[in-house]
Each structure stands twice: as structure tokens, then as C-alpha cells.
N, C-alpha and C. Protein backbone atom coordinates (compact mmCIF):
# COMPACT_ATOMS: atom_id res chain seq x y z
N MET A 1 -24.56 15.39 -29.89
CA MET A 1 -23.57 16.60 -30.24
C MET A 1 -22.22 16.36 -30.25
N LEU A 2 -21.18 16.26 -30.85
CA LEU A 2 -19.70 15.69 -30.58
C LEU A 2 -19.00 17.02 -30.63
N VAL A 3 -18.08 17.24 -29.44
CA VAL A 3 -17.30 18.41 -29.44
C VAL A 3 -15.83 18.15 -29.34
N ASP A 4 -15.31 18.59 -30.28
CA ASP A 4 -13.72 18.26 -30.34
C ASP A 4 -13.38 16.85 -30.49
N LYS A 5 -14.12 16.18 -31.19
CA LYS A 5 -14.18 14.87 -31.49
C LYS A 5 -13.66 14.00 -30.60
N LYS A 6 -14.14 14.46 -29.08
CA LYS A 6 -13.68 13.86 -27.90
C LYS A 6 -14.83 13.44 -27.00
N VAL A 7 -15.90 14.42 -26.74
CA VAL A 7 -16.85 14.32 -25.92
C VAL A 7 -18.15 14.52 -26.82
N ILE A 8 -19.39 13.18 -26.54
CA ILE A 8 -20.57 13.34 -26.61
C ILE A 8 -21.30 14.33 -25.46
N VAL A 9 -21.94 15.10 -26.17
CA VAL A 9 -22.96 15.99 -25.46
C VAL A 9 -24.46 16.11 -25.67
N GLU A 10 -24.84 15.47 -24.95
CA GLU A 10 -26.77 15.15 -25.12
C GLU A 10 -27.05 16.36 -24.30
N THR A 11 -28.04 17.03 -24.99
CA THR A 11 -29.02 18.43 -23.99
C THR A 11 -30.42 17.90 -24.14
N LYS A 12 -31.21 18.26 -22.98
CA LYS A 12 -32.31 17.81 -22.76
C LYS A 12 -33.02 19.57 -22.28
N ALA A 13 -34.07 19.60 -22.01
CA ALA A 13 -35.09 20.72 -21.57
C ALA A 13 -36.09 19.81 -20.65
N LYS A 14 -35.88 19.30 -19.93
CA LYS A 14 -37.07 18.47 -19.07
C LYS A 14 -37.14 18.86 -17.77
N ARG A 15 -38.06 18.71 -17.03
CA ARG A 15 -38.24 19.31 -15.78
C ARG A 15 -37.31 18.73 -14.59
N GLU A 16 -36.93 17.32 -15.23
CA GLU A 16 -35.54 16.77 -14.35
C GLU A 16 -35.39 15.29 -15.05
N LEU A 17 -33.75 15.09 -14.87
CA LEU A 17 -33.29 13.93 -15.72
C LEU A 17 -33.97 12.81 -15.06
N ILE A 18 -34.12 11.69 -15.85
CA ILE A 18 -34.72 10.30 -15.29
C ILE A 18 -33.65 9.42 -15.76
N GLU A 19 -33.36 8.15 -15.19
CA GLU A 19 -32.46 7.24 -15.75
C GLU A 19 -32.61 6.91 -16.93
N ASP A 20 -33.80 6.84 -17.77
CA ASP A 20 -33.57 6.75 -19.32
C ASP A 20 -32.77 7.36 -20.03
N HIS A 21 -32.80 8.76 -19.58
CA HIS A 21 -31.87 10.15 -20.27
C HIS A 21 -30.40 9.58 -19.99
N GLU A 22 -30.12 9.15 -18.95
CA GLU A 22 -28.29 8.48 -18.55
C GLU A 22 -28.39 7.23 -19.54
N ALA A 23 -29.32 6.54 -19.75
CA ALA A 23 -29.17 5.28 -20.41
C ALA A 23 -28.93 5.57 -21.74
N GLN A 24 -29.56 6.83 -22.44
CA GLN A 24 -29.50 6.92 -23.69
C GLN A 24 -28.14 7.33 -24.03
N LEU A 25 -27.43 8.01 -23.02
CA LEU A 25 -26.27 8.50 -23.37
C LEU A 25 -25.07 7.58 -23.13
N LEU A 26 -25.22 6.53 -22.43
CA LEU A 26 -24.35 5.44 -21.89
C LEU A 26 -24.37 4.57 -23.35
N ASN A 27 -25.73 4.37 -23.98
CA ASN A 27 -25.64 3.46 -24.99
C ASN A 27 -24.89 4.41 -26.28
N TYR A 28 -25.22 5.36 -26.42
CA TYR A 28 -23.90 6.29 -27.14
C TYR A 28 -22.52 6.16 -27.01
N LEU A 29 -22.20 6.12 -25.89
CA LEU A 29 -20.76 5.83 -25.57
C LEU A 29 -20.39 4.44 -26.11
N LYS A 30 -21.26 3.31 -25.64
CA LYS A 30 -21.07 2.01 -25.94
C LYS A 30 -20.70 2.01 -27.29
N SER A 31 -21.54 2.58 -28.20
CA SER A 31 -21.52 2.18 -29.54
C SER A 31 -20.63 2.94 -30.52
N THR A 32 -19.97 3.75 -29.78
CA THR A 32 -18.97 4.64 -30.75
C THR A 32 -17.50 4.85 -30.01
N ILE A 33 -16.57 5.34 -30.66
CA ILE A 33 -15.33 5.24 -30.13
C ILE A 33 -14.77 6.19 -28.96
N TYR A 34 -16.17 7.01 -28.69
CA TYR A 34 -15.81 8.26 -27.81
C TYR A 34 -16.25 7.32 -26.33
N GLU A 35 -15.43 7.75 -25.43
CA GLU A 35 -15.41 7.27 -23.99
C GLU A 35 -16.03 8.45 -23.16
N VAL A 36 -16.21 9.73 -23.34
CA VAL A 36 -16.61 10.54 -22.21
C VAL A 36 -18.27 11.31 -22.70
N GLY A 37 -19.03 11.20 -21.95
CA GLY A 37 -20.32 12.03 -22.66
C GLY A 37 -20.94 13.08 -21.48
N LEU A 38 -21.49 14.28 -21.92
CA LEU A 38 -22.19 14.68 -20.87
C LEU A 38 -23.62 15.09 -21.14
N LEU A 39 -24.29 15.09 -20.04
CA LEU A 39 -25.93 15.03 -20.28
C LEU A 39 -26.03 16.46 -19.73
N LEU A 40 -26.69 17.18 -20.38
CA LEU A 40 -27.04 18.68 -19.87
C LEU A 40 -28.51 18.72 -20.06
N ASN A 41 -29.41 19.11 -18.74
CA ASN A 41 -30.61 19.46 -18.72
C ASN A 41 -30.81 20.84 -18.55
N PHE A 42 -31.45 21.68 -19.37
CA PHE A 42 -31.38 23.14 -19.09
C PHE A 42 -33.28 23.39 -18.61
N GLY A 43 -33.66 22.47 -17.77
CA GLY A 43 -35.03 22.87 -17.25
C GLY A 43 -34.96 23.73 -16.14
N PRO A 44 -35.72 23.65 -15.25
CA PRO A 44 -36.04 24.70 -14.21
C PRO A 44 -34.83 24.65 -13.36
N GLU A 45 -34.04 23.57 -13.12
CA GLU A 45 -32.92 23.63 -12.24
C GLU A 45 -32.04 22.83 -13.27
N PRO A 46 -30.99 23.43 -13.52
CA PRO A 46 -29.95 23.24 -14.47
C PRO A 46 -29.04 21.86 -13.86
N GLN A 47 -29.10 20.69 -15.00
CA GLN A 47 -28.54 19.61 -14.22
C GLN A 47 -27.22 19.27 -15.43
N ILE A 48 -26.22 18.57 -14.82
CA ILE A 48 -25.25 18.09 -15.38
C ILE A 48 -24.76 16.54 -14.74
N ARG A 49 -24.74 15.68 -15.82
CA ARG A 49 -24.38 14.17 -15.69
C ARG A 49 -22.99 14.03 -16.54
N ARG A 50 -21.86 13.44 -15.91
CA ARG A 50 -21.00 13.02 -16.62
C ARG A 50 -20.72 11.44 -16.70
N LYS A 51 -20.68 10.55 -18.05
CA LYS A 51 -20.95 9.53 -18.01
C LYS A 51 -19.13 9.02 -18.52
N VAL A 52 -18.65 8.08 -18.18
CA VAL A 52 -17.32 7.60 -19.04
C VAL A 52 -17.75 6.29 -19.01
N TYR A 53 -17.02 5.75 -20.32
CA TYR A 53 -17.24 4.30 -20.66
C TYR A 53 -16.03 4.00 -21.50
N ASP A 54 -14.98 3.36 -20.87
CA ASP A 54 -13.55 3.36 -21.64
C ASP A 54 -13.60 2.27 -22.64
N ASN A 55 -12.88 2.56 -23.79
CA ASN A 55 -12.97 1.52 -24.79
C ASN A 55 -12.33 0.32 -24.64
N ALA A 56 -11.74 0.04 -23.70
CA ALA A 56 -11.36 -1.61 -23.22
C ALA A 56 -12.40 -2.43 -22.99
N ARG A 57 -13.68 -1.67 -22.21
CA ARG A 57 -14.72 -2.50 -22.14
C ARG A 57 -15.59 -2.95 -22.98
N LYS A 58 -15.12 -2.29 -24.29
CA LYS A 58 -15.98 -2.44 -25.78
C LYS A 58 -15.53 -3.46 -26.39
N GLY A 59 -14.60 -4.09 -26.33
CA GLY A 59 -14.08 -5.09 -27.05
C GLY A 59 -13.35 -4.50 -28.11
N SER A 60 -13.37 -5.10 -29.61
CA SER A 60 -12.63 -4.83 -30.70
C SER A 60 -13.02 -3.69 -31.49
N LEU A 61 -14.39 -3.47 -31.24
CA LEU A 61 -15.00 -2.17 -31.83
C LEU A 61 -15.05 -2.37 -33.60
N SER A 62 -15.08 -3.37 -33.87
CA SER A 62 -14.80 -4.17 -35.21
C SER A 62 -15.99 -3.43 -35.90
N TRP A 63 -17.00 -3.10 -35.40
CA TRP A 63 -18.13 -2.36 -36.28
C TRP A 63 -18.00 -0.71 -36.60
N VAL A 64 -17.10 -0.42 -35.90
CA VAL A 64 -17.10 1.30 -35.96
C VAL A 64 -16.39 1.65 -37.07
N LYS A 65 -16.23 2.35 -37.98
CA LYS A 65 -15.51 3.05 -39.04
C LYS A 65 -14.65 4.00 -38.45
N GLN A 66 -13.40 4.03 -38.31
CA GLN A 66 -12.61 4.69 -38.06
C GLN A 66 -11.88 6.02 -38.63
């Protein structure tokens, strides 16, 4: 989900977050122009992870339509 054209929000309903869930969000950030992502888990214990991947690290982003 994209919020205010600034933040990618990935929601889960799992027992707990694992490294694969964070990697999925990071891949979204690497492949788009968006720099900030939130991973929200609505399992037994709510969890939040924030990831940032700035555009300077992405190169030219020539594959992205802006």
C-alpha cells in the first residue's frame, strides 16, 4: 500500500515477523522511487519495522516511470 505517495506500508497477520518479511519490504524500496517503508504485523503481539533506502543508493532509477 502506498500512503500519501511517500511511504510504502506492508501489512502482515503472522505470529511474528521474520527476516523474509523485512527483505520483501526492502526489495519494494529498492525497486521504486520511494525511500521509506513500514512493515506492520497484526499478529498476537503488534510489531512495527521501519526501513529506509535512500534514492542516492539506487543509481539512476532509469527503469522507473516517474
